[in-house]
């Protein structure tokens, strides 16, 4: 933190110490011109006690009406010929929280005894003698004028601090720097999440406090679940003995980020104002970043579509594409197909948005190619020779697994290629891999049989084999409204275990046997020998292979 910011924080803390209480110290009251000539008789250690009001005491019962933090003035009329009230005066004043007692000299009070002086010292209540000619109305007017001035001085000093904040705290800072400044200015642990609740940056100002509050920190599943359920504006909500605040950041009425603050004390108004100002700066920066990112994403998507749909492009086109993606280094290009399985009433576009946010937190923004269709996202990345694809995939999975109650996913991965001209092959291999995935990660290299058949996917004999096997079942299902194709797929998937298959299909075992018999009759292949099973398995793989076209 630079010296200017440090000085602002020092000033802010000083202002909070000096002016946060709407009161004056006893010492400040005694320095008012209207009390000129006072004598401090006892209780000097209490001169810093705070005074919210100046009150005239001229009735014996008056002390019992007080609420605390009063500067009492009396001529002593209430104590005339009443030694009992006089002796109990300081005891009662201490019980009521009185800050100081000023007695007019040469009036009704009489002699101030040694006992009262000892009590004043004991209770640390300043006991003061003021001149005979002090006018009550002038003293009271001076007190409240000074108090009003102090309140305004507090506001003026805050305005001065905000001026400095405008010029220094967030000037020329990136978003990480702004979060760092907010954390220091508010003396809080501050976290910034994107719209999908991926952690973007943070600053922990108090490590011991953070450790103690780790149960609701954003670095574990419990913490993430908590944040997901308090995404609306939240201020100083007490949870588990700690205080949580959440500030959504909106751009064009859409939540694009959240500032999450957790601490062991409430945010005061000064901290709240600093945070709100900082958030307005973050919102402007995010909107600018988002606009730039969207524009570049569209350019990259256009580049990708051109490469996928044109077999003959000039070398200069590919060279410019690599420069645009910062791919001008040694490494391998991989294609990934991420298929999303959306749960319940969740929106597929929102789920895609989550995936893209996760990607942007792993890869430098827009240093990849991507496109999507239906429920699949196609991604093309270049991995440096010294890095590993598995590390990238692990990082991606780690980020998206917290959304498992919204969607599940499969990931298909192509072989590595060095040349960007292989983009169409990367696309096909990633898509082909995803067709054989079952909510897991599958690599094209592991597809054995289907990998061997891939080069023949446009061969007429492949189409004829498919027509003789699985195509018959598809046609029968379409004409009769049955589910024979699904039945054989589940039957083969669960290793011919009829009880398991019937449970997965929600049918009786006898119904399953009937369907299997119909499959044998329609296709002409027996399910009781290896040849028949292999023919149908191969037919299913060919069906998926043909879909790549």
Protein backbone atom coordinates (compact mmCIF):
# COMPACT_ATOMS: atom_id res chain seq x y z
CA UNK A 1 0.00 0.00 0.00
CA UNK A 2 1.48 3.39 -0.96
CA UNK A 3 2.09 6.18 1.56
CA UNK A 4 -0.87 8.26 0.34
CA UNK A 5 -3.34 5.45 1.04
CA UNK A 6 -1.72 4.80 4.43
CA UNK A 7 -2.18 8.46 5.35
CA UNK A 8 -5.84 8.35 4.32
CA UNK A 9 -6.42 5.34 6.56
CA UNK A 10 -4.69 7.10 9.48
CA UNK A 11 -6.88 10.18 8.92
CA UNK A 12 -10.00 8.05 8.71
CA UNK A 13 -9.25 6.22 11.94
CA UNK A 14 -8.50 9.54 13.65
CA UNK A 15 -11.79 11.03 12.46
CA UNK A 16 -13.66 7.97 13.71
CA UNK A 17 -11.92 8.27 17.10
CA UNK A 18 -12.37 12.02 17.49
CA UNK A 19 -15.80 12.55 16.02
CA UNK A 20 -17.73 9.31 15.90
CA UNK A 21 -19.44 10.12 19.22
CA UNK A 22 -21.89 13.00 19.09
CA UNK A 23 -20.48 14.54 22.24
CA UNK A 24 -17.77 16.76 23.75
CA UNK A 25 -15.19 15.85 26.36
CA UNK A 26 -15.39 17.49 29.79
CA UNK A 27 -12.11 19.22 28.99
CA UNK A 28 -13.55 20.69 25.79
CA UNK A 29 -16.60 21.98 27.69
CA UNK A 30 -14.37 23.71 30.26
CA UNK A 31 -12.51 25.47 27.46
CA UNK A 32 -15.69 27.21 26.31
CA UNK A 33 -15.31 31.01 26.78
CA UNK A 34 -18.51 31.16 28.87
CA UNK A 35 -16.85 29.02 31.58
CA UNK A 36 -13.70 31.11 31.74
CA UNK A 37 -12.25 31.24 35.25
CA UNK A 38 -13.33 27.73 36.35
CA UNK A 39 -11.41 25.80 39.04
CA UNK A 40 -11.00 22.03 38.89
CA UNK A 41 -11.45 20.87 42.50
CA UNK A 42 -11.25 17.08 42.04
CA UNK A 43 -11.78 14.19 39.58
CA UNK A 44 -9.15 15.35 37.09
CA UNK A 45 -8.73 11.80 35.70
CA UNK A 46 -12.23 12.05 34.20
CA UNK A 47 -11.63 15.06 31.98
CA UNK A 48 -11.99 12.91 28.82
CA UNK A 49 -15.45 11.66 29.74
CA UNK A 50 -18.02 12.47 27.07
CA UNK A 51 -20.82 14.98 27.48
CA UNK A 52 -23.88 14.68 25.28
CA UNK A 53 -25.93 17.29 27.15
CA UNK A 54 -25.51 20.24 29.51
CA UNK A 55 -28.15 20.15 32.23
CA UNK A 56 -29.10 22.59 35.04
CA UNK A 57 -29.75 20.89 38.39
CA UNK A 58 -31.80 22.87 40.91
CA UNK A 59 -34.22 20.26 42.33
CA UNK A 60 -33.28 17.47 44.80
CA UNK A 61 -34.80 14.74 42.61
CA UNK A 62 -33.13 16.01 39.42
CA UNK A 63 -30.26 13.50 39.38
CA UNK A 64 -32.70 10.60 39.24
CA UNK A 65 -34.05 11.94 35.93
CA UNK A 66 -30.69 11.85 34.16
CA UNK A 67 -29.77 9.39 31.39
CA UNK A 68 -25.98 9.59 31.51
CA UNK A 69 -23.15 11.62 29.94
CA UNK A 70 -24.45 14.97 31.25
CA UNK A 71 -22.41 18.01 32.25
CA UNK A 72 -24.32 19.29 35.32
CA UNK A 73 -24.39 22.94 36.36
CA UNK A 74 -25.87 23.94 39.72
CA UNK A 75 -25.99 26.92 42.05
CA UNK A 76 -26.74 24.49 44.87
CA UNK A 77 -30.25 25.68 45.59
CA UNK A 78 -31.50 22.08 45.66
CA UNK A 79 -29.07 21.27 48.47
CA UNK A 80 -29.86 24.24 50.76
CA UNK A 81 -30.38 23.01 54.32
CA UNK A 82 -30.23 19.41 53.04
CA UNK A 83 -26.95 17.77 53.97
CA UNK A 84 -28.30 14.29 53.11
CA UNK A 85 -28.76 15.21 49.41
CA UNK A 86 -25.40 16.98 49.36
CA UNK A 87 -23.53 13.95 50.73
CA UNK A 88 -25.31 11.59 48.29
CA UNK A 89 -24.82 13.88 45.28
CA UNK A 90 -21.70 12.24 43.82
CA UNK A 91 -22.82 8.72 44.67
CA UNK A 92 -26.11 9.31 42.81
CA UNK A 93 -24.29 11.06 39.95
CA UNK A 94 -21.95 8.10 39.53
CA UNK A 95 -24.90 5.70 39.44
CA UNK A 96 -26.59 7.79 36.73
CA UNK A 97 -23.43 8.06 34.57
CA UNK A 98 -22.95 11.82 35.01
CA UNK A 99 -19.76 13.05 33.33
CA UNK A 100 -19.03 16.22 35.39
CA UNK A 101 -20.54 18.56 38.02
CA UNK A 102 -19.95 22.34 37.98
CA UNK A 103 -20.97 24.33 41.08
CA UNK A 104 -21.33 28.12 41.11
CA UNK A 105 -19.17 29.77 43.74
CA UNK A 106 -20.67 31.98 46.45
CA UNK A 107 -24.22 30.79 45.87
CA UNK A 108 -26.40 28.27 47.71
CA UNK A 109 -24.25 25.14 47.80
CA UNK A 110 -21.98 26.22 50.59
CA UNK A 111 -18.69 24.58 51.48
CA UNK A 112 -17.47 21.70 49.32
CA UNK A 113 -16.39 19.10 51.84
CA UNK A 114 -13.32 16.90 51.77
CA UNK A 115 -15.67 13.92 51.56
CA UNK A 116 -17.11 15.19 48.23
CA UNK A 117 -13.61 15.81 46.86
CA UNK A 118 -12.56 12.26 47.77
CA UNK A 119 -15.71 10.83 46.15
CA UNK A 120 -15.06 12.87 42.97
CA UNK A 121 -11.54 11.45 42.75
CA UNK A 122 -12.78 7.95 43.47
CA UNK A 123 -15.52 8.03 40.79
CA UNK A 124 -13.35 10.06 38.36
CA UNK A 125 -16.11 12.67 38.05
CA UNK A 126 -14.64 16.15 37.56
CA UNK A 127 -15.89 18.45 40.33
CA UNK A 128 -15.60 22.05 39.15
CA UNK A 129 -16.16 25.47 40.65
CA UNK A 130 -17.36 28.05 38.13
CA UNK A 131 -17.50 31.83 38.54
CA UNK A 132 -20.52 33.47 40.14
CA UNK A 133 -21.29 35.45 36.97
CA UNK A 134 -21.66 32.45 34.62
CA UNK A 135 -24.98 32.82 32.81
CA UNK A 136 -26.76 29.49 32.30
CA UNK A 137 -28.32 30.34 28.93
CA UNK A 138 -24.99 31.53 27.53
CA UNK A 139 -23.18 28.41 28.76
CA UNK A 140 -25.83 26.08 27.34
CA UNK A 141 -25.92 27.94 24.00
CA UNK A 142 -22.12 27.76 23.75
CA UNK A 143 -22.18 24.02 24.54
CA UNK A 144 -24.69 23.13 21.80
CA UNK A 145 -23.10 25.50 19.28
CA UNK A 146 -19.80 23.72 19.84
CA UNK A 147 -21.47 20.32 19.55
CA UNK A 148 -23.15 21.34 16.31
CA UNK A 149 -19.82 22.58 14.99
CA UNK A 150 -18.14 19.29 15.86
CA UNK A 151 -20.80 17.32 14.01
CA UNK A 152 -20.33 19.48 10.95
CA UNK A 153 -16.56 19.26 11.27
CA UNK A 154 -16.93 15.47 11.20
CA UNK A 155 -18.88 15.70 7.94
CA UNK A 156 -16.37 18.13 6.45
CA UNK A 157 -13.47 15.88 7.35
CA UNK A 158 -15.26 12.88 5.83
CA UNK A 159 -15.82 14.84 2.64
CA UNK A 160 -12.15 15.68 2.59
CA UNK A 161 -11.31 11.99 2.98
CA UNK A 162 -13.66 11.04 0.14
CA UNK A 163 -12.01 13.65 -2.05
CA UNK A 164 -8.70 11.92 -1.38
CA UNK A 165 -10.29 8.52 -2.02
CA UNK A 166 -11.58 9.72 -5.37
CA UNK A 167 -8.10 10.84 -6.36
CA UNK A 168 -5.94 8.16 -4.77
CA UNK A 169 -7.62 5.00 -3.49
CA UNK A 170 -9.00 3.72 -6.78
CA UNK A 171 -7.19 5.85 -9.32
CA UNK A 172 -5.45 3.80 -12.03
CA UNK A 173 -6.10 0.61 -10.06
CA UNK A 174 -7.11 -2.71 -11.56
CA UNK A 175 -9.92 -4.65 -9.89
CA UNK A 176 -7.51 -6.55 -7.63
CA UNK A 177 -6.10 -3.23 -6.44
CA UNK A 178 -9.55 -1.83 -5.71
CA UNK A 179 -10.48 -4.89 -3.62
CA UNK A 180 -7.19 -4.49 -1.74
CA UNK A 181 -7.96 -0.82 -1.04
CA UNK A 182 -11.54 -1.60 0.04
CA UNK A 183 -10.28 -4.25 2.43
CA UNK A 184 -7.83 -1.85 4.05
CA UNK A 185 -10.22 1.11 4.17
CA UNK A 186 -12.98 -0.94 5.82
CA UNK A 187 -10.59 -3.11 7.85
CA UNK A 188 -12.46 -6.17 6.54
CA UNK A 189 -11.88 -9.44 4.72
CA UNK A 190 -13.22 -8.72 1.21
CA UNK A 191 -13.89 -11.17 -1.65
CA UNK A 192 -15.01 -10.55 -5.23
CA UNK A 193 -16.97 -13.26 -7.06
CA UNK A 194 -18.14 -13.23 -10.65
CA UNK A 195 -21.79 -13.74 -11.55
CA UNK A 196 -21.37 -17.52 -11.31
CA UNK A 197 -19.74 -17.25 -7.87
CA UNK A 198 -16.26 -18.09 -9.10
CA UNK A 199 -13.73 -16.33 -6.88
CA UNK A 200 -12.00 -13.55 -8.83
CA UNK A 201 -9.84 -11.92 -6.15
CA UNK A 202 -9.75 -11.23 -2.43
CA UNK A 203 -7.83 -9.65 0.43
CA UNK A 204 -7.69 -10.98 3.96
CA UNK A 205 -6.89 -8.14 6.35
CA UNK A 206 -6.98 -10.22 9.52
CA UNK A 207 -5.69 -13.78 9.23
CA UNK A 208 -6.68 -14.83 12.76
CA UNK A 209 -10.17 -13.42 12.27
CA UNK A 210 -10.47 -15.21 8.92
CA UNK A 211 -9.37 -18.54 10.43
CA UNK A 212 -11.93 -18.16 13.19
CA UNK A 213 -14.64 -17.45 10.63
CA UNK A 214 -13.59 -20.19 8.22
CA UNK A 215 -16.90 -22.02 8.63
CA UNK A 216 -18.56 -19.34 6.49
CA UNK A 217 -15.60 -18.43 4.32
CA UNK A 218 -15.89 -18.85 0.53
CA UNK A 219 -13.06 -21.41 0.30
CA UNK A 220 -15.06 -24.49 1.20
CA UNK A 221 -18.31 -26.08 0.05
CA UNK A 222 -20.25 -24.93 3.09
CA UNK A 223 -19.14 -21.36 2.52
CA UNK A 224 -20.04 -21.46 -1.17
CA UNK A 225 -23.49 -22.85 -0.37
CA UNK A 226 -24.01 -20.03 2.12
CA UNK A 227 -23.04 -17.37 -0.44
CA UNK A 228 -25.33 -18.89 -3.05
CA UNK A 229 -28.25 -18.50 -0.66
CA UNK A 230 -27.58 -14.86 0.30
CA UNK A 231 -26.94 -13.44 -3.17
CA UNK A 232 -29.30 -10.51 -2.56
CA UNK A 233 -28.07 -7.29 -0.95
CA UNK A 234 -27.19 -8.10 2.65
CA UNK A 235 -25.74 -5.76 5.26
CA UNK A 236 -24.28 -6.83 8.61
CA UNK A 237 -26.25 -10.06 8.84
CA UNK A 238 -25.17 -11.96 11.92
CA UNK A 239 -24.28 -15.59 11.20
CA UNK A 240 -22.53 -17.92 13.61
CA UNK A 241 -21.51 -14.96 15.74
CA UNK A 242 -19.94 -13.12 12.78
CA UNK A 243 -21.16 -10.41 10.42
CA UNK A 244 -21.66 -10.95 6.69
CA UNK A 245 -22.40 -8.36 4.01
CA UNK A 246 -23.11 -9.03 0.31
CA UNK A 247 -23.17 -6.37 -2.39
CA UNK A 248 -24.42 -7.51 -5.84
CA UNK A 249 -22.84 -5.63 -8.77
CA UNK A 250 -25.31 -5.01 -11.58
CA UNK A 251 -24.66 -4.18 -15.22
CA UNK A 252 -27.74 -3.57 -17.33
CA UNK A 253 -29.93 -5.08 -14.56
CA UNK A 254 -27.98 -8.34 -14.51
CA UNK A 255 -25.89 -9.53 -11.57
CA UNK A 256 -22.37 -9.86 -12.95
CA UNK A 257 -20.40 -9.99 -9.70
CA UNK A 258 -20.68 -9.95 -5.91
CA UNK A 259 -18.58 -8.31 -3.22
CA UNK A 260 -18.68 -10.50 -0.13
CA UNK A 261 -17.45 -9.17 3.23
CA UNK A 262 -17.03 -11.20 6.38
CA UNK A 263 -15.77 -9.95 9.70
CA UNK A 264 -16.22 -10.10 13.45
CA UNK A 265 -17.73 -6.61 13.66
CA UNK A 266 -20.42 -4.61 11.88
CA UNK A 267 -19.53 -2.30 9.02
CA UNK A 268 -20.08 1.29 10.14
CA UNK A 269 -21.46 4.00 7.87
CA UNK A 270 -18.01 5.19 6.87
CA UNK A 271 -16.92 1.70 5.80
CA UNK A 272 -20.22 1.20 3.95
CA UNK A 273 -19.76 4.45 2.03
CA UNK A 274 -16.20 3.50 1.06
CA UNK A 275 -17.35 0.06 -0.11
CA UNK A 276 -20.25 1.45 -2.13
CA UNK A 277 -17.97 3.93 -3.87
CA UNK A 278 -15.39 1.23 -4.62
CA UNK A 279 -18.12 -1.02 -5.99
CA UNK A 280 -19.26 1.71 -8.39
CA UNK A 281 -15.70 1.84 -9.77
CA UNK A 282 -15.57 -1.97 -10.05
CA UNK A 283 -18.90 -1.95 -11.92
CA UNK A 284 -17.56 0.53 -14.47
CA UNK A 285 -14.40 -1.52 -14.99
CA UNK A 286 -16.36 -4.78 -15.29
CA UNK A 287 -18.72 -3.24 -17.83
CA UNK A 288 -15.76 -2.08 -19.91
CA UNK A 289 -14.10 -5.50 -19.61
CA UNK A 290 -17.34 -7.24 -20.48
CA UNK A 291 -17.90 -5.10 -23.57
CA UNK A 292 -14.33 -5.72 -24.76
CA UNK A 293 -14.58 -9.44 -23.99
CA UNK A 294 -17.89 -9.86 -25.81
CA UNK A 295 -16.49 -8.13 -28.89
CA UNK A 296 -13.39 -10.33 -28.92
CA UNK A 297 -15.42 -13.48 -28.27
CA UNK A 298 -17.58 -12.71 -31.28
CA UNK A 299 -14.49 -12.22 -33.44
CA UNK A 300 -13.02 -15.53 -32.25
CA UNK A 301 -16.32 -17.34 -32.80
CA UNK A 302 -16.48 -15.98 -36.35
CA UNK A 303 -12.90 -17.14 -36.97
CA UNK A 304 -13.79 -20.60 -35.71
CA UNK A 305 -16.93 -20.90 -37.85
CA UNK A 306 -14.93 -19.88 -40.94
CA UNK A 307 -12.28 -22.54 -40.22
CA UNK A 308 -14.89 -25.24 -39.57
CA UNK A 309 -16.83 -24.54 -42.75
CA UNK A 310 -14.03 -23.81 -45.23
CA UNK A 311 -11.49 -26.42 -46.26
CA UNK A 312 -9.32 -24.07 -48.32
CA UNK A 313 -8.16 -20.95 -46.55
CA UNK A 314 -4.92 -19.06 -47.22
CA UNK A 315 -1.97 -19.54 -44.88
CA UNK A 316 -2.17 -15.88 -43.91
CA UNK A 317 -5.63 -16.43 -42.44
CA UNK A 318 -4.36 -19.14 -40.04
CA UNK A 319 -1.29 -17.07 -39.14
CA UNK A 320 -3.44 -14.06 -38.25
CA UNK A 321 -5.77 -16.28 -36.23
CA UNK A 322 -2.84 -17.61 -34.18
CA UNK A 323 -1.56 -14.08 -33.56
CA UNK A 324 -5.02 -12.97 -32.49
CA UNK A 325 -5.15 -15.85 -29.97
CA UNK A 326 -1.52 -15.40 -28.80
CA UNK A 327 -0.85 -18.95 -29.96
CA UNK A 328 2.53 -18.13 -31.50
CA UNK A 329 4.50 -20.49 -29.22
CA UNK A 330 5.42 -24.18 -29.14
CA UNK A 331 2.70 -26.46 -27.88
CA UNK A 332 -0.31 -28.63 -28.78
CA UNK A 333 -3.89 -27.72 -29.65
CA UNK A 334 -6.69 -29.73 -28.06
CA UNK A 335 -10.40 -29.76 -28.78
CA UNK A 336 -12.90 -30.25 -25.96
CA UNK A 337 -16.63 -30.80 -26.18
CA UNK A 338 -18.47 -30.05 -22.94
CA UNK A 339 -22.00 -31.45 -22.90
CA UNK A 340 -24.35 -30.07 -20.26
CA UNK A 341 -27.21 -31.99 -18.66
CA UNK A 342 -29.41 -29.30 -17.13
CA UNK A 343 -31.47 -30.18 -14.06
CA UNK A 344 -35.09 -29.23 -13.41
CA UNK A 345 -36.09 -25.77 -14.65
CA UNK A 346 -32.60 -24.29 -15.03
CA UNK A 347 -31.84 -22.38 -18.21
CA UNK A 348 -29.23 -23.86 -20.57
CA UNK A 349 -27.94 -20.38 -21.51
CA UNK A 350 -27.29 -19.58 -17.85
CA UNK A 351 -25.38 -22.85 -17.52
CA UNK A 352 -23.27 -22.02 -20.57
CA UNK A 353 -22.58 -18.61 -19.05
CA UNK A 354 -21.24 -20.38 -15.95
CA UNK A 355 -18.91 -22.52 -18.07
CA UNK A 356 -17.55 -19.50 -19.94
CA UNK A 357 -16.97 -17.67 -16.66
CA UNK A 358 -15.05 -20.67 -15.34
CA UNK A 359 -12.96 -20.78 -18.51
CA UNK A 360 -12.16 -17.08 -18.27
CA UNK A 361 -10.86 -17.62 -14.76
CA UNK A 362 -8.48 -20.33 -15.95
CA UNK A 363 -7.36 -19.14 -19.39
CA UNK A 364 -6.35 -15.60 -20.13
CA UNK A 365 -9.51 -14.08 -21.54
CA UNK A 366 -10.21 -14.95 -25.16
CA UNK A 367 -6.99 -16.90 -25.69
CA UNK A 368 -9.15 -19.77 -26.84
CA UNK A 369 -11.67 -20.53 -29.57
CA UNK A 370 -15.19 -21.58 -28.72
CA UNK A 371 -18.64 -22.08 -30.11
CA UNK A 372 -21.75 -23.81 -28.86
CA UNK A 373 -24.86 -25.50 -30.16
CA UNK A 374 -27.80 -26.96 -28.28
CA UNK A 375 -26.33 -28.37 -25.04
CA UNK A 376 -22.68 -28.60 -26.17
CA UNK A 377 -19.82 -26.13 -25.87
CA UNK A 378 -16.84 -26.66 -28.16
CA UNK A 379 -13.55 -25.33 -26.88
CA UNK A 380 -10.13 -25.21 -28.54
CA UNK A 381 -7.07 -24.37 -26.46
CA UNK A 382 -3.33 -24.45 -26.94
CA UNK A 383 -1.27 -26.03 -24.17
CA UNK A 384 2.33 -24.96 -23.72
CA UNK A 385 4.85 -27.76 -24.19
CA UNK A 386 5.83 -27.50 -20.53
CA UNK A 387 2.22 -27.79 -19.26
CA UNK A 388 -0.31 -30.62 -19.11
CA UNK A 389 -3.85 -30.87 -20.44
CA UNK A 390 -4.87 -32.86 -17.34
CA UNK A 391 -4.02 -29.88 -15.12
CA UNK A 392 -6.29 -27.63 -17.17
CA UNK A 393 -9.16 -30.14 -17.11
CA UNK A 394 -8.75 -30.71 -13.35
CA UNK A 395 -8.88 -26.97 -12.75
CA UNK A 396 -12.01 -26.65 -14.89
CA UNK A 397 -13.75 -29.58 -13.16
CA UNK A 398 -12.85 -28.16 -9.75
CA UNK A 399 -14.58 -24.90 -10.63
CA UNK A 400 -17.76 -26.31 -12.14
CA UNK A 401 -18.41 -29.17 -9.73
CA UNK A 402 -19.95 -26.78 -7.19
CA UNK A 403 -22.84 -26.33 -9.63
CA UNK A 404 -23.78 -30.00 -9.61
CA UNK A 405 -27.26 -29.18 -8.28
CA UNK A 406 -27.82 -27.06 -11.43
CA UNK A 407 -26.27 -29.26 -14.12
CA UNK A 408 -23.97 -32.23 -14.69
CA UNK A 409 -21.59 -32.56 -17.60
CA UNK A 410 -19.53 -34.80 -19.85
CA UNK A 411 -16.25 -33.81 -21.46
CA UNK A 412 -14.90 -35.26 -24.67
CA UNK A 413 -11.25 -34.60 -25.53
CA UNK A 414 -9.57 -34.85 -28.93
CA UNK A 415 -6.03 -35.96 -29.75
CA UNK A 416 -3.36 -33.22 -29.67
CA UNK A 417 -2.45 -31.46 -32.89
CA UNK A 418 0.28 -28.91 -33.58
CA UNK A 419 -1.36 -27.19 -36.56
CA UNK A 420 -4.39 -24.90 -36.28
CA UNK A 421 -5.40 -26.17 -39.73
CA UNK A 422 -6.52 -29.39 -37.97
CA UNK A 423 -9.39 -27.56 -36.26
CA UNK A 424 -12.12 -29.55 -38.08
CA UNK A 425 -10.55 -32.83 -37.01
CA UNK A 426 -10.25 -31.55 -33.44
CA UNK A 427 -13.95 -30.70 -33.53
CA UNK A 428 -15.01 -34.11 -34.84
CA UNK A 429 -12.85 -36.07 -32.39
CA UNK A 430 -14.05 -34.10 -29.34
CA UNK A 431 -17.67 -34.53 -30.43
CA UNK A 432 -17.21 -38.21 -31.15
CA UNK A 433 -15.67 -38.72 -27.71
CA UNK A 434 -18.60 -36.99 -25.99
CA UNK A 435 -21.05 -39.36 -27.66
CA UNK A 436 -19.51 -42.22 -25.65
CA UNK A 437 -19.22 -40.35 -22.40
CA UNK A 438 -21.45 -41.00 -19.42
CA UNK A 439 -21.16 -37.87 -17.26
CA UNK A 440 -17.40 -38.30 -17.17
CA UNK A 441 -14.27 -37.32 -19.10
CA UNK A 442 -13.41 -39.43 -22.12
CA UNK A 443 -10.47 -39.09 -24.49
CA UNK A 444 -10.74 -39.87 -28.16
CA UNK A 445 -7.58 -41.98 -27.88
CA UNK A 446 -9.45 -44.45 -25.64
CA UNK A 447 -12.27 -45.18 -28.08
CA UNK A 448 -10.59 -48.30 -29.58
CA UNK A 449 -13.12 -49.75 -32.09
CA UNK A 450 -14.86 -46.52 -32.96
CA UNK A 451 -11.51 -44.77 -33.42
CA UNK A 452 -10.58 -47.33 -36.03
CA UNK A 453 -13.89 -46.82 -37.78
CA UNK A 454 -13.73 -43.03 -37.75
CA UNK A 455 -11.81 -42.69 -41.05
CA UNK A 456 -14.55 -44.83 -42.66
CA UNK A 457 -17.49 -42.80 -41.35
CA UNK A 458 -18.51 -41.73 -44.86
CA UNK A 459 -18.10 -45.21 -46.37
CA UNK A 460 -21.33 -46.68 -47.81
CA UNK A 461 -20.68 -50.06 -46.17
CA UNK A 462 -20.75 -48.41 -42.74
CA UNK A 463 -24.17 -46.95 -43.54
CA UNK A 464 -25.41 -50.34 -44.82
CA UNK A 465 -24.26 -52.11 -41.62
CA UNK A 466 -26.03 -49.52 -39.52
CA UNK A 467 -29.21 -49.92 -41.61
CA UNK A 468 -29.17 -53.70 -41.04
CA UNK A 469 -28.93 -53.39 -37.27
CA UNK A 470 -29.89 -50.35 -35.26
CA UNK A 471 -31.71 -48.49 -38.03
CA UNK A 472 -34.38 -51.23 -37.99
CA UNK A 473 -35.02 -50.59 -34.28
CA UNK A 474 -35.18 -46.81 -34.80
CA UNK A 475 -37.74 -47.24 -37.56
CA UNK A 476 -39.84 -49.70 -35.52
CA UNK A 477 -39.84 -47.34 -32.48
CA UNK A 478 -40.89 -44.43 -34.68
CA UNK A 479 -43.79 -46.36 -36.24
CA UNK A 480 -45.05 -48.08 -33.08
CA UNK A 481 -44.14 -45.62 -30.29
CA UNK A 482 -41.94 -48.17 -28.53
CA UNK A 483 -38.57 -47.86 -26.78
CA UNK A 484 -36.63 -50.83 -28.14
CA UNK A 485 -33.50 -48.85 -29.08
CA UNK A 486 -33.27 -47.35 -25.56
CA UNK A 487 -33.83 -50.82 -24.11
CA UNK A 488 -30.92 -52.44 -25.98
CA UNK A 489 -28.62 -49.49 -25.17
CA UNK A 490 -29.34 -49.79 -21.43
CA UNK A 491 -29.15 -53.60 -21.62
CA UNK A 492 -25.65 -53.47 -23.09
CA UNK A 493 -24.56 -50.62 -20.80
CA UNK A 494 -25.39 -52.61 -17.66
CA UNK A 495 -23.75 -55.83 -18.83
CA UNK A 496 -26.94 -57.78 -19.62
CA UNK A 497 -28.14 -57.71 -15.97
CA UNK A 498 -31.90 -57.91 -16.36
CA UNK A 499 -32.80 -56.88 -12.81
CA UNK A 500 -30.64 -53.75 -12.98
CA UNK A 501 -31.85 -52.88 -16.49
CA UNK A 502 -35.54 -53.24 -15.59
CA UNK A 503 -35.00 -51.00 -12.56
CA UNK A 504 -33.24 -48.35 -14.69
CA UNK A 505 -36.03 -48.45 -17.28
CA UNK A 506 -38.79 -48.55 -14.61
CA UNK A 507 -40.32 -51.68 -16.13
CA UNK A 508 -41.04 -55.22 -14.92
CA UNK A 509 -38.48 -57.93 -15.67
CA UNK A 510 -41.07 -59.77 -17.78
CA UNK A 511 -41.65 -56.61 -19.84
CA UNK A 512 -37.88 -56.45 -20.40
CA UNK A 513 -37.82 -60.08 -21.60
CA UNK A 514 -40.64 -59.32 -24.04
CA UNK A 515 -38.76 -56.31 -25.44
CA UNK A 516 -35.52 -58.29 -25.84
CA UNK A 517 -37.42 -60.96 -27.76
CA UNK A 518 -38.86 -58.32 -30.08
CA UNK A 519 -35.34 -56.90 -30.66
CA UNK A 520 -34.12 -60.35 -31.71
CA UNK A 521 -37.11 -60.79 -34.06
CA UNK A 522 -36.68 -57.35 -35.71
CA UNK A 523 -32.88 -57.38 -36.13
CA UNK A 524 -32.36 -61.10 -36.65
CA UNK A 525 -29.49 -61.14 -34.09
CA UNK A 526 -29.57 -63.36 -31.03
CA UNK A 527 -28.80 -61.82 -27.66
CA UNK A 528 -27.67 -65.19 -26.32
CA UNK A 529 -24.45 -65.41 -28.30
CA UNK A 530 -21.40 -63.17 -28.60
CA UNK A 531 -21.78 -62.58 -32.35
CA UNK A 532 -25.26 -61.14 -31.98
CA UNK A 533 -24.26 -58.94 -29.05
CA UNK A 534 -21.19 -57.65 -30.91
CA UNK A 535 -23.28 -56.83 -34.00
CA UNK A 536 -25.73 -54.73 -32.00
CA UNK A 537 -22.97 -53.02 -29.97
CA UNK A 538 -21.18 -52.12 -33.18
CA UNK A 539 -24.44 -50.88 -34.69
CA UNK A 540 -24.96 -48.50 -31.72
CA UNK A 541 -21.41 -47.17 -32.10
CA UNK A 542 -21.96 -46.65 -35.81
CA UNK A 543 -25.16 -44.76 -35.07
CA UNK A 544 -23.18 -42.31 -32.91
CA UNK A 545 -20.37 -42.16 -35.45
CA UNK A 546 -22.75 -41.24 -38.27
CA UNK A 547 -24.17 -38.43 -36.10
CA UNK A 548 -20.78 -36.66 -36.34
CA UNK A 549 -21.59 -35.91 -39.96
